[in-house]
């Protein structure tokens, strides 16, 4: 199972199981799926797209400004960043971002 934690300097944006994440890598956009090779990459400005999987996850709801919990598989969460880093290791993803909106 693929899991992700998305952090900004101020707060946690997302934590839980996902099917995939698409990020704006410094050398072009790329997608991470289950059993992806280990990687560390810098990110440029652009969109991050997360597709949730089965299981409970927590996410930051922009409209309410609160952390919400859900377990709806297949939910697509899209947000913009100005820069960041991604690390993928053993189906665990850490996404450290700035300029979240």
N, C-alpha and C. Protein backbone atom coordinates (compact mmCIF):
# COMPACT_ATOMS: atom_id res chain seq x y z
N UNK A 1 0.84 -1.19 0.00
CA UNK A 1 0.00 0.00 0.00
C UNK A 1 0.88 1.25 0.00
N UNK A 2 0.53 2.20 -0.80
CA UNK A 2 1.26 3.46 -0.94
C UNK A 2 0.68 4.47 0.06
N UNK A 3 1.54 5.09 0.87
CA UNK A 3 1.08 6.11 1.81
C UNK A 3 1.89 7.38 1.60
N UNK A 4 1.27 8.51 1.96
CA UNK A 4 1.94 9.80 1.79
C UNK A 4 1.69 10.70 2.99
N UNK A 5 2.68 11.51 3.28
CA UNK A 5 2.55 12.59 4.25
C UNK A 5 2.97 13.87 3.53
N UNK A 6 2.09 14.88 3.53
CA UNK A 6 2.37 16.15 2.87
C UNK A 6 2.46 17.22 3.95
N UNK A 7 3.62 17.89 4.02
CA UNK A 7 3.87 18.89 5.06
C UNK A 7 4.27 20.23 4.45
N UNK A 8 3.78 21.31 5.08
CA UNK A 8 4.28 22.65 4.81
C UNK A 8 5.01 23.08 6.08
N UNK A 9 5.71 24.21 6.08
CA UNK A 9 6.34 24.66 7.32
C UNK A 9 5.32 24.93 8.43
N UNK A 10 4.07 25.21 8.06
CA UNK A 10 3.04 25.56 9.05
C UNK A 10 2.18 24.39 9.51
N UNK A 11 1.89 23.41 8.61
CA UNK A 11 0.91 22.39 8.96
C UNK A 11 1.03 21.16 8.07
N UNK A 12 0.35 20.11 8.54
CA UNK A 12 0.24 18.89 7.74
C UNK A 12 -0.96 19.06 6.82
N UNK A 13 -0.79 18.78 5.54
CA UNK A 13 -1.83 18.96 4.53
C UNK A 13 -2.58 17.65 4.24
N UNK A 14 -1.84 16.54 4.26
CA UNK A 14 -2.46 15.25 3.94
C UNK A 14 -1.64 14.14 4.57
N UNK A 15 -2.34 13.09 5.05
CA UNK A 15 -1.68 11.89 5.56
C UNK A 15 -2.60 10.70 5.34
N UNK A 16 -2.09 9.68 4.65
CA UNK A 16 -2.89 8.48 4.49
C UNK A 16 -2.57 7.70 3.23
N UNK A 17 -3.41 6.68 2.95
CA UNK A 17 -3.19 5.80 1.79
C UNK A 17 -3.64 6.46 0.49
N UNK A 18 -2.84 6.26 -0.56
CA UNK A 18 -3.17 6.82 -1.87
C UNK A 18 -2.94 5.78 -2.96
N UNK A 19 -3.54 6.05 -4.12
CA UNK A 19 -3.31 5.23 -5.31
C UNK A 19 -2.13 5.80 -6.11
N UNK A 20 -2.08 7.16 -6.18
CA UNK A 20 -1.00 7.81 -6.93
C UNK A 20 -0.87 9.27 -6.51
N UNK A 21 0.28 9.85 -6.84
CA UNK A 21 0.50 11.29 -6.69
C UNK A 21 1.29 11.75 -7.91
N UNK A 22 0.87 12.88 -8.46
CA UNK A 22 1.55 13.49 -9.59
C UNK A 22 2.14 14.81 -9.10
N UNK A 23 3.43 15.05 -9.37
CA UNK A 23 4.12 16.23 -8.86
C UNK A 23 4.88 16.95 -9.97
N UNK A 24 5.12 18.27 -9.78
CA UNK A 24 5.89 19.04 -10.77
C UNK A 24 7.39 18.96 -10.48
N UNK A 25 8.04 17.90 -10.92
CA UNK A 25 9.48 17.75 -10.71
C UNK A 25 10.27 18.84 -11.41
N UNK A 26 11.47 19.08 -10.93
CA UNK A 26 12.32 20.13 -11.51
C UNK A 26 12.68 19.84 -12.97
N UNK A 27 12.66 18.56 -13.35
CA UNK A 27 12.96 18.19 -14.74
C UNK A 27 11.72 17.69 -15.46
N UNK A 28 10.55 18.08 -14.96
CA UNK A 28 9.30 17.68 -15.59
C UNK A 28 8.38 16.96 -14.62
N UNK A 29 7.11 16.99 -14.95
CA UNK A 29 6.10 16.37 -14.11
C UNK A 29 6.27 14.84 -14.11
N UNK A 30 6.05 14.21 -12.94
CA UNK A 30 6.08 12.76 -12.90
C UNK A 30 5.07 12.24 -11.88
N UNK A 31 4.75 10.96 -12.02
CA UNK A 31 3.75 10.33 -11.18
C UNK A 31 4.39 9.19 -10.39
N UNK A 32 3.95 9.03 -9.14
CA UNK A 32 4.43 7.94 -8.30
C UNK A 32 3.27 6.99 -8.06
N UNK A 33 3.51 5.71 -8.37
CA UNK A 33 2.53 4.65 -8.15
C UNK A 33 3.11 3.64 -7.18
N UNK A 34 2.32 2.64 -6.79
CA UNK A 34 2.76 1.59 -5.87
C UNK A 34 4.04 0.93 -6.39
N UNK A 35 4.95 0.63 -5.48
CA UNK A 35 6.23 -0.02 -5.77
C UNK A 35 7.16 0.81 -6.65
N UNK A 36 7.04 2.13 -6.58
CA UNK A 36 7.94 3.03 -7.32
C UNK A 36 9.37 2.88 -6.77
N UNK A 37 10.33 3.07 -7.62
CA UNK A 37 11.73 3.04 -7.19
C UNK A 37 11.99 4.17 -6.20
N UNK A 38 12.95 3.96 -5.32
CA UNK A 38 13.33 5.00 -4.36
C UNK A 38 13.82 6.22 -5.13
N UNK A 39 13.41 7.41 -4.67
CA UNK A 39 13.78 8.65 -5.35
C UNK A 39 13.71 9.81 -4.37
N UNK A 40 14.57 10.78 -4.59
CA UNK A 40 14.49 12.08 -3.92
C UNK A 40 14.58 13.10 -5.04
N UNK A 41 13.65 14.06 -5.07
CA UNK A 41 13.64 15.04 -6.15
C UNK A 41 13.17 16.39 -5.64
N UNK A 42 13.72 17.45 -6.20
CA UNK A 42 13.21 18.79 -5.93
C UNK A 42 11.99 19.03 -6.81
N UNK A 43 11.11 19.91 -6.35
CA UNK A 43 9.89 20.23 -7.09
C UNK A 43 9.86 21.70 -7.42
N UNK A 44 9.31 22.02 -8.59
CA UNK A 44 9.12 23.39 -9.02
C UNK A 44 7.66 23.80 -8.78
N UNK A 45 7.34 25.02 -9.13
CA UNK A 45 5.96 25.51 -9.01
C UNK A 45 5.05 24.70 -9.93
N UNK A 46 3.87 24.40 -9.45
CA UNK A 46 2.91 23.65 -10.25
C UNK A 46 1.87 22.96 -9.40
N UNK A 47 1.14 22.04 -10.04
CA UNK A 47 0.06 21.33 -9.37
C UNK A 47 0.52 19.97 -8.84
N UNK A 48 0.00 19.65 -7.65
CA UNK A 48 0.17 18.32 -7.07
C UNK A 48 -1.22 17.68 -7.10
N UNK A 49 -1.29 16.46 -7.62
CA UNK A 49 -2.57 15.74 -7.70
C UNK A 49 -2.44 14.42 -6.94
N UNK A 50 -3.28 14.27 -5.92
CA UNK A 50 -3.31 13.05 -5.11
C UNK A 50 -4.61 12.32 -5.40
N UNK A 51 -4.54 10.99 -5.61
CA UNK A 51 -5.73 10.15 -5.75
C UNK A 51 -5.73 9.20 -4.56
N UNK A 52 -6.79 9.28 -3.74
CA UNK A 52 -6.84 8.50 -2.51
C UNK A 52 -7.14 7.02 -2.78
N UNK A 53 -6.79 6.21 -1.81
CA UNK A 53 -7.01 4.77 -1.86
C UNK A 53 -7.98 4.37 -0.75
N UNK A 54 -8.22 3.08 -0.61
CA UNK A 54 -9.06 2.60 0.49
C UNK A 54 -8.36 2.85 1.81
N UNK A 55 -9.13 3.19 2.83
CA UNK A 55 -8.57 3.44 4.15
C UNK A 55 -8.77 4.88 4.56
N UNK A 56 -8.58 5.13 5.84
CA UNK A 56 -8.82 6.47 6.38
C UNK A 56 -7.63 7.39 6.11
N UNK A 57 -7.94 8.61 5.72
CA UNK A 57 -6.91 9.61 5.50
C UNK A 57 -7.37 10.95 6.07
N UNK A 58 -6.41 11.81 6.34
CA UNK A 58 -6.70 13.16 6.84
C UNK A 58 -6.17 14.16 5.82
N UNK A 59 -6.96 15.22 5.60
CA UNK A 59 -6.54 16.24 4.64
C UNK A 59 -6.98 17.62 5.12
N UNK A 60 -6.25 18.63 4.66
CA UNK A 60 -6.57 20.01 4.99
C UNK A 60 -7.59 20.52 4.00
N UNK A 61 -8.74 20.93 4.51
CA UNK A 61 -9.80 21.47 3.66
C UNK A 61 -9.62 22.99 3.54
N UNK A 62 -9.31 23.45 2.34
CA UNK A 62 -9.02 24.87 2.12
C UNK A 62 -10.22 25.75 2.47
N UNK A 63 -11.42 25.33 2.07
CA UNK A 63 -12.62 26.15 2.29
C UNK A 63 -12.89 26.40 3.77
N UNK A 64 -12.79 25.35 4.61
CA UNK A 64 -13.09 25.51 6.03
C UNK A 64 -11.86 25.85 6.86
N UNK A 65 -10.67 25.62 6.31
CA UNK A 65 -9.45 25.89 7.05
C UNK A 65 -9.20 24.88 8.17
N UNK A 66 -9.78 23.68 8.04
CA UNK A 66 -9.64 22.66 9.08
C UNK A 66 -9.14 21.34 8.49
N UNK A 67 -8.67 20.48 9.38
CA UNK A 67 -8.27 19.12 8.99
C UNK A 67 -9.52 18.26 9.03
N UNK A 68 -9.77 17.53 7.95
CA UNK A 68 -10.92 16.64 7.87
C UNK A 68 -10.44 15.20 7.69
N UNK A 69 -11.28 14.27 8.10
CA UNK A 69 -10.99 12.85 7.96
C UNK A 69 -12.00 12.24 7.01
N UNK A 70 -11.53 11.37 6.12
CA UNK A 70 -12.41 10.71 5.16
C UNK A 70 -11.85 9.32 4.86
N UNK A 71 -12.65 8.50 4.21
CA UNK A 71 -12.17 7.19 3.76
C UNK A 71 -12.69 6.89 2.36
N UNK A 72 -13.06 7.95 1.64
CA UNK A 72 -13.59 7.81 0.28
C UNK A 72 -12.46 7.48 -0.70
N UNK A 73 -12.43 6.25 -1.26
CA UNK A 73 -11.39 5.92 -2.24
C UNK A 73 -11.65 6.63 -3.57
N UNK A 74 -10.59 6.97 -4.28
CA UNK A 74 -10.73 7.58 -5.60
C UNK A 74 -10.95 9.08 -5.58
N UNK A 75 -10.90 9.71 -4.39
CA UNK A 75 -11.06 11.16 -4.31
C UNK A 75 -9.80 11.82 -4.88
N UNK A 76 -9.99 12.83 -5.71
CA UNK A 76 -8.87 13.54 -6.32
C UNK A 76 -8.69 14.87 -5.59
N UNK A 77 -7.51 15.07 -5.05
CA UNK A 77 -7.19 16.30 -4.32
C UNK A 77 -6.08 17.00 -5.09
N UNK A 78 -6.33 18.25 -5.50
CA UNK A 78 -5.37 19.02 -6.30
C UNK A 78 -5.05 20.32 -5.58
N UNK A 79 -3.77 20.65 -5.49
CA UNK A 79 -3.38 21.94 -4.94
C UNK A 79 -2.11 22.41 -5.63
N UNK A 80 -1.84 23.71 -5.54
CA UNK A 80 -0.67 24.31 -6.18
C UNK A 80 0.43 24.55 -5.14
N UNK A 81 1.67 24.44 -5.59
CA UNK A 81 2.82 24.73 -4.74
C UNK A 81 3.77 25.66 -5.49
N UNK A 82 4.68 26.31 -4.74
CA UNK A 82 5.70 27.12 -5.39
C UNK A 82 7.03 26.37 -5.49
N UNK A 83 7.27 25.46 -4.53
CA UNK A 83 8.47 24.61 -4.58
C UNK A 83 8.38 23.55 -3.50
N UNK A 84 9.32 22.60 -3.53
CA UNK A 84 9.32 21.57 -2.51
C UNK A 84 10.27 20.43 -2.84
N UNK A 85 10.10 19.35 -2.07
CA UNK A 85 10.89 18.13 -2.25
C UNK A 85 9.99 16.92 -2.06
N UNK A 86 10.32 15.84 -2.76
CA UNK A 86 9.61 14.58 -2.59
C UNK A 86 10.64 13.49 -2.33
N UNK A 87 10.30 12.60 -1.40
CA UNK A 87 11.11 11.41 -1.14
C UNK A 87 10.19 10.20 -1.20
N UNK A 88 10.59 9.18 -1.95
CA UNK A 88 9.83 7.94 -2.06
C UNK A 88 10.76 6.81 -1.63
N UNK A 89 10.30 6.01 -0.66
CA UNK A 89 11.09 4.88 -0.18
C UNK A 89 10.15 3.82 0.38
N UNK A 90 10.18 2.62 -0.17
CA UNK A 90 9.38 1.49 0.31
C UNK A 90 7.88 1.83 0.40
N UNK A 91 7.34 2.42 -0.64
CA UNK A 91 5.92 2.78 -0.73
C UNK A 91 5.48 3.83 0.29
N UNK A 92 6.43 4.56 0.86
CA UNK A 92 6.12 5.69 1.73
C UNK A 92 6.66 6.95 1.08
N UNK A 93 5.79 7.95 0.96
CA UNK A 93 6.15 9.21 0.29
C UNK A 93 6.11 10.34 1.30
N UNK A 94 7.16 11.14 1.31
CA UNK A 94 7.19 12.38 2.08
C UNK A 94 7.23 13.52 1.08
N UNK A 95 6.29 14.42 1.21
CA UNK A 95 6.21 15.58 0.31
C UNK A 95 6.33 16.83 1.19
N UNK A 96 7.42 17.57 1.04
CA UNK A 96 7.66 18.78 1.80
C UNK A 96 7.50 19.95 0.84
N UNK A 97 6.52 20.82 1.11
CA UNK A 97 6.17 21.84 0.12
C UNK A 97 6.10 23.23 0.73
N UNK A 98 6.24 24.23 -0.15
CA UNK A 98 6.04 25.64 0.20
C UNK A 98 5.07 26.25 -0.80
N UNK A 99 4.41 27.32 -0.38
CA UNK A 99 3.51 28.04 -1.25
C UNK A 99 2.23 27.29 -1.52
N UNK A 100 1.74 26.54 -0.55
CA UNK A 100 0.51 25.75 -0.69
C UNK A 100 -0.70 26.64 -0.89
N UNK A 101 -1.52 26.34 -1.92
CA UNK A 101 -2.81 27.01 -2.10
C UNK A 101 -3.70 26.21 -2.98
